[in-house]
Amino acid sequence: MLVGTWAAADWAIRFYERHGFRLVSPERKTELLRTYWTIPDRQIEASVVLANPPFDGA
């Protein structure tokens, strides 16, 4: 499962991490956001993606 949120939303990131999600790399984040979400480039820059189970990029 993938979850996207604002990079500045520390409380949200901590919540997801407590529930087994892990941040994906910045490079993979951009690829995932462009593949699964329809959002502007500025929002991609200001977002993070977390994965559960942790995403190894393979």
PDB file of N, CA and C in Angstrom:
ATOM      1  N   MET A   1       0.845  -1.162   0.000  1.00  0.00           N
ATOM      2  CA  MET A   1       0.000   0.000   0.000  1.00  0.00           C
ATOM      3  C   MET A   1       0.896   1.232   0.000  1.00  0.00           C
ATOM      4  N   LEU A   2       0.521   2.196  -0.782  1.00  0.00           N
ATOM      5  CA  LEU A   2       1.243   3.463  -0.857  1.00  0.00           C
ATOM      6  C   LEU A   2       0.373   4.578  -0.300  1.00  0.00           C
ATOM      7  N   VAL A   3       1.015   5.514   0.395  1.00  0.00           N
ATOM      8  CA  VAL A   3       0.333   6.681   0.939  1.00  0.00           C
ATOM      9  C   VAL A   3       1.174   7.901   0.592  1.00  0.00           C
ATOM     10  N   GLY A   4       0.530   8.938   0.098  1.00  0.00           N
ATOM     11  CA  GLY A   4       1.203  10.200  -0.165  1.00  0.00           C
ATOM     12  C   GLY A   4       0.729  11.253   0.815  1.00  0.00           C
ATOM     13  N   THR A   5       1.648  12.094   1.250  1.00  0.00           N
ATOM     14  CA  THR A   5       1.291  13.198   2.138  1.00  0.00           C
ATOM     15  C   THR A   5       2.291  14.328   1.926  1.00  0.00           C
ATOM     16  N   TRP A   6       2.005  15.469   2.515  1.00  0.00           N
ATOM     17  CA  TRP A   6       2.926  16.601   2.439  1.00  0.00           C
ATOM     18  C   TRP A   6       4.183  16.289   3.232  1.00  0.00           C
ATOM     19  N   ALA A   7       5.331  16.660   2.715  1.00  0.00           N
ATOM     20  CA  ALA A   7       6.602  16.445   3.408  1.00  0.00           C
ATOM     21  C   ALA A   7       6.643  17.209   4.733  1.00  0.00           C
ATOM     22  N   ALA A   8       5.953  18.325   4.810  1.00  0.00           N
ATOM     23  CA  ALA A   8       5.939  19.136   6.033  1.00  0.00           C
ATOM     24  C   ALA A   8       4.978  18.601   7.089  1.00  0.00           C
ATOM     25  N   ALA A   9       4.190  17.595   6.761  1.00  0.00           N
ATOM     26  CA  ALA A   9       3.217  17.035   7.706  1.00  0.00           C
ATOM     27  C   ALA A   9       3.898  15.977   8.571  1.00  0.00           C
ATOM     28  N   ASP A  10       4.802  16.454   9.444  1.00  0.00           N
ATOM     29  CA  ASP A  10       5.565  15.537  10.294  1.00  0.00           C
ATOM     30  C   ASP A  10       4.660  14.608  11.092  1.00  0.00           C
ATOM     31  N   TRP A  11       3.558  15.136  11.605  1.00  0.00           N
ATOM     32  CA  TRP A  11       2.637  14.328  12.407  1.00  0.00           C
ATOM     33  C   TRP A  11       2.065  13.175  11.583  1.00  0.00           C
ATOM     34  N   ALA A  12       1.765  13.417  10.301  1.00  0.00           N
ATOM     35  CA  ALA A  12       1.213  12.365   9.450  1.00  0.00           C
ATOM     36  C   ALA A  12       2.273  11.318   9.144  1.00  0.00           C
ATOM     37  N   ILE A  13       3.484  11.764   8.854  1.00  0.00           N
ATOM     38  CA  ILE A  13       4.573  10.831   8.571  1.00  0.00           C
ATOM     39  C   ILE A  13       4.835   9.952   9.789  1.00  0.00           C
ATOM     40  N   ARG A  14       4.878  10.538  10.983  1.00  0.00           N
ATOM     41  CA  ARG A  14       5.084   9.749  12.203  1.00  0.00           C
ATOM     42  C   ARG A  14       3.955   8.745  12.406  1.00  0.00           C
ATOM     43  N   PHE A  15       2.716   9.150  12.145  1.00  0.00           N
ATOM     44  CA  PHE A  15       1.569   8.260  12.270  1.00  0.00           C
ATOM     45  C   PHE A  15       1.747   7.039  11.375  1.00  0.00           C
ATOM     46  N   TYR A  16       2.046   7.267  10.104  1.00  0.00           N
ATOM     47  CA  TYR A  16       2.208   6.148   9.178  1.00  0.00           C
ATOM     48  C   TYR A  16       3.401   5.286   9.547  1.00  0.00           C
ATOM     49  N   GLU A  17       4.499   5.888   9.982  1.00  0.00           N
ATOM     50  CA  GLU A  17       5.669   5.103  10.378  1.00  0.00           C
ATOM     51  C   GLU A  17       5.351   4.220  11.587  1.00  0.00           C
ATOM     52  N   ARG A  18       4.552   4.724  12.515  1.00  0.00           N
ATOM     53  CA  ARG A  18       4.143   3.905  13.671  1.00  0.00           C
ATOM     54  C   ARG A  18       3.323   2.701  13.235  1.00  0.00           C
ATOM     55  N   HIS A  19       2.716   2.787  12.072  1.00  0.00           N
ATOM     56  CA  HIS A  19       1.874   1.706  11.573  1.00  0.00           C
ATOM     57  C   HIS A  19       2.561   0.900  10.466  1.00  0.00           C
ATOM     58  N   GLY A  20       3.880   0.917  10.439  1.00  0.00           N
ATOM     59  CA  GLY A  20       4.644   0.045   9.564  1.00  0.00           C
ATOM     60  C   GLY A  20       5.021   0.604   8.210  1.00  0.00           C
ATOM     61  N   PHE A  21       4.631   1.833   7.914  1.00  0.00           N
ATOM     62  CA  PHE A  21       4.997   2.445   6.635  1.00  0.00           C
ATOM     63  C   PHE A  21       6.411   2.990   6.714  1.00  0.00           C
ATOM     64  N   ARG A  22       7.099   3.008   5.577  1.00  0.00           N
ATOM     65  CA  ARG A  22       8.435   3.580   5.493  1.00  0.00           C
ATOM     66  C   ARG A  22       8.515   4.504   4.289  1.00  0.00           C
ATOM     67  N   LEU A  23       9.275   5.582   4.431  1.00  0.00           N
ATOM     68  CA  LEU A  23       9.456   6.520   3.327  1.00  0.00           C
ATOM     69  C   LEU A  23      10.195   5.838   2.176  1.00  0.00           C
ATOM     70  N   VAL A  24       9.760   6.131   0.960  1.00  0.00           N
ATOM     71  CA  VAL A  24      10.499   5.656  -0.211  1.00  0.00           C
ATOM     72  C   VAL A  24      11.513   6.738  -0.588  1.00  0.00           C
ATOM     73  N   SER A  25      12.493   6.369  -1.386  1.00  0.00           N
ATOM     74  CA  SER A  25      13.526   7.335  -1.779  1.00  0.00           C
ATOM     75  C   SER A  25      12.904   8.486  -2.567  1.00  0.00           C
ATOM     76  N   PRO A  26      13.540   9.656  -2.549  1.00  0.00           N
ATOM     77  CA  PRO A  26      13.005  10.799  -3.298  1.00  0.00           C
ATOM     78  C   PRO A  26      12.846  10.507  -4.796  1.00  0.00           C
ATOM     79  N   GLU A  27      13.772   9.763  -5.370  1.00  0.00           N
ATOM     80  CA  GLU A  27      13.684   9.448  -6.796  1.00  0.00           C
ATOM     81  C   GLU A  27      12.479   8.552  -7.081  1.00  0.00           C
ATOM     82  N   ARG A  28      12.324   7.527  -6.255  1.00  0.00           N
ATOM     83  CA  ARG A  28      11.203   6.591  -6.434  1.00  0.00           C
ATOM     84  C   ARG A  28       9.878   7.290  -6.129  1.00  0.00           C
ATOM     85  N   LYS A  29       9.895   8.202  -5.154  1.00  0.00           N
ATOM     86  CA  LYS A  29       8.696   8.966  -4.804  1.00  0.00           C
ATOM     87  C   LYS A  29       8.136   9.677  -6.029  1.00  0.00           C
ATOM     88  N   THR A  30       9.004  10.362  -6.752  1.00  0.00           N
ATOM     89  CA  THR A  30       8.563  11.107  -7.938  1.00  0.00           C
ATOM     90  C   THR A  30       7.960  10.167  -8.967  1.00  0.00           C
ATOM     91  N   GLU A  31       8.611   9.053  -9.202  1.00  0.00           N
ATOM     92  CA  GLU A  31       8.091   8.076 -10.158  1.00  0.00           C
ATOM     93  C   GLU A  31       6.718   7.558  -9.725  1.00  0.00           C
ATOM     94  N   LEU A  32       6.576   7.222  -8.455  1.00  0.00           N
ATOM     95  CA  LEU A  32       5.299   6.701  -7.958  1.00  0.00           C
ATOM     96  C   LEU A  32       4.196   7.753  -8.027  1.00  0.00           C
ATOM     97  N   LEU A  33       4.511   8.989  -7.631  1.00  0.00           N
ATOM     98  CA  LEU A  33       3.496  10.041  -7.682  1.00  0.00           C
ATOM     99  C   LEU A  33       3.034  10.305  -9.112  1.00  0.00           C
ATOM    100  N   ARG A  34       3.946  10.281 -10.050  1.00  0.00           N
ATOM    101  CA  ARG A  34       3.570  10.504 -11.451  1.00  0.00           C
ATOM    102  C   ARG A  34       2.773   9.331 -12.017  1.00  0.00           C
ATOM    103  N   THR A  35       2.999   8.134 -11.495  1.00  0.00           N
ATOM    104  CA  THR A  35       2.308   6.942 -11.989  1.00  0.00           C
ATOM    105  C   THR A  35       0.903   6.806 -11.409  1.00  0.00           C
ATOM    106  N   TYR A  36       0.762   7.022 -10.092  1.00  0.00           N
ATOM    107  CA  TYR A  36      -0.493   6.701  -9.416  1.00  0.00           C
ATOM    108  C   TYR A  36      -1.339   7.895  -9.010  1.00  0.00           C
ATOM    109  N   TRP A  37      -0.808   9.094  -9.089  1.00  0.00           N
ATOM    110  CA  TRP A  37      -1.567  10.288  -8.726  1.00  0.00           C
ATOM    111  C   TRP A  37      -1.519  11.277  -9.876  1.00  0.00           C
ATOM    112  N   THR A  38      -2.517  12.130  -9.962  1.00  0.00           N
ATOM    113  CA  THR A  38      -2.524  13.209 -10.931  1.00  0.00           C
ATOM    114  C   THR A  38      -2.441  14.512 -10.138  1.00  0.00           C
ATOM    115  N   ILE A  39      -1.206  14.977  -9.970  1.00  0.00           N
ATOM    116  CA  ILE A  39      -0.971  16.181  -9.179  1.00  0.00           C
ATOM    117  C   ILE A  39       0.076  17.041  -9.881  1.00  0.00           C
ATOM    118  N   PRO A  40       0.072  18.343  -9.637  1.00  0.00           N
ATOM    119  CA  PRO A  40       1.047  19.234 -10.275  1.00  0.00           C
ATOM    120  C   PRO A  40       2.474  18.982  -9.770  1.00  0.00           C
ATOM    121  N   ASP A  41       3.444  19.391 -10.580  1.00  0.00           N
ATOM    122  CA  ASP A  41       4.857  19.217 -10.230  1.00  0.00           C
ATOM    123  C   ASP A  41       5.189  19.845  -8.885  1.00  0.00           C
ATOM    124  N   ARG A  42       4.646  21.008  -8.600  1.00  0.00           N
ATOM    125  CA  ARG A  42       4.925  21.679  -7.319  1.00  0.00           C
ATOM    126  C   ARG A  42       4.474  20.820  -6.151  1.00  0.00           C
ATOM    127  N   GLN A  43       3.356  20.147  -6.291  1.00  0.00           N
ATOM    128  CA  GLN A  43       2.870  19.275  -5.220  1.00  0.00           C
ATOM    129  C   GLN A  43       3.767  18.039  -5.083  1.00  0.00           C
ATOM    130  N   ILE A  44       4.272  17.536  -6.197  1.00  0.00           N
ATOM    131  CA  ILE A  44       5.203  16.408  -6.146  1.00  0.00           C
ATOM    132  C   ILE A  44       6.444  16.806  -5.353  1.00  0.00           C
ATOM    133  N   GLU A  45       6.955  18.009  -5.603  1.00  0.00           N
ATOM    134  CA  GLU A  45       8.144  18.487  -4.887  1.00  0.00           C
ATOM    135  C   GLU A  45       7.910  18.569  -3.385  1.00  0.00           C
ATOM    136  N   ALA A  46       6.686  18.889  -2.979  1.00  0.00           N
ATOM    137  CA  ALA A  46       6.376  19.112  -1.568  1.00  0.00           C
ATOM    138  C   ALA A  46       5.769  17.891  -0.884  1.00  0.00           C
ATOM    139  N   SER A  47       5.821  16.742  -1.548  1.00  0.00           N
ATOM    140  CA  SER A  47       5.196  15.535  -1.017  1.00  0.00           C
ATOM    141  C   SER A  47       6.210  14.436  -0.736  1.00  0.00           C
ATOM    142  N   VAL A  48       5.766  13.465   0.046  1.00  0.00           N
ATOM    143  CA  VAL A  48       6.505  12.233   0.270  1.00  0.00           C
ATOM    144  C   VAL A  48       5.555  11.072   0.022  1.00  0.00           C
ATOM    145  N   VAL A  49       6.141   9.906  -0.201  1.00  0.00           N
ATOM    146  CA  VAL A  49       5.360   8.681  -0.327  1.00  0.00           C
ATOM    147  C   VAL A  49       5.896   7.687   0.691  1.00  0.00           C
ATOM    148  N   LEU A  50       4.972   7.032   1.373  1.00  0.00           N
ATOM    149  CA  LEU A  50       5.328   5.982   2.311  1.00  0.00           C
ATOM    150  C   LEU A  50       4.713   4.680   1.823  1.00  0.00           C
ATOM    151  N   ALA A  51       5.372   3.567   2.121  1.00  0.00           N
ATOM    152  CA  ALA A  51       4.910   2.259   1.645  1.00  0.00           C
ATOM    153  C   ALA A  51       4.840   1.268   2.800  1.00  0.00           C
ATOM    154  N   ASN A  52       3.858   0.395   2.747  1.00  0.00           N
ATOM    155  CA  ASN A  52       3.726  -0.699   3.702  1.00  0.00           C
ATOM    156  C   ASN A  52       3.183  -1.903   2.961  1.00  0.00           C
ATOM    157  N   PRO A  53       3.952  -2.979   2.830  1.00  0.00           N
ATOM    158  CA  PRO A  53       5.273  -3.154   3.421  1.00  0.00           C
ATOM    159  C   PRO A  53       6.289  -2.218   2.789  1.00  0.00           C
ATOM    160  N   PRO A  54       7.419  -2.017   3.479  1.00  0.00           N
ATOM    161  CA  PRO A  54       8.449  -1.127   2.923  1.00  0.00           C
ATOM    162  C   PRO A  54       8.770  -1.480   1.486  1.00  0.00           C
ATOM    163  N   PHE A  55       8.941  -0.460   0.680  1.00  0.00           N
ATOM    164  CA  PHE A  55       9.129  -0.606  -0.761  1.00  0.00           C
ATOM    165  C   PHE A  55      10.612  -0.657  -1.085  1.00  0.00           C
ATOM    166  N   ASP A  56      11.046  -1.749  -1.713  1.00  0.00           N
ATOM    167  CA  ASP A  56      12.475  -1.879  -2.005  1.00  0.00           C
ATOM    168  C   ASP A  56      12.826  -1.424  -3.412  1.00  0.00           C
ATOM    169  N   GLY A  57      11.831  -1.049  -4.200  1.00  0.00           N
ATOM    170  CA  GLY A  57      12.093  -0.545  -5.539  1.00  0.00           C
ATOM    171  C   GLY A  57      12.302  -1.617  -6.586  1.00  0.00           C
ATOM    172  N   ALA A  58      12.229  -2.890  -6.193  1.00  0.00           N
ATOM    173  CA  ALA A  58      12.448  -3.968  -7.166  1.00  0.00           C
ATOM    174  C   ALA A  58      11.218  -4.204  -8.005  1.00  0.00           C
TER     175      ALA A  58
END
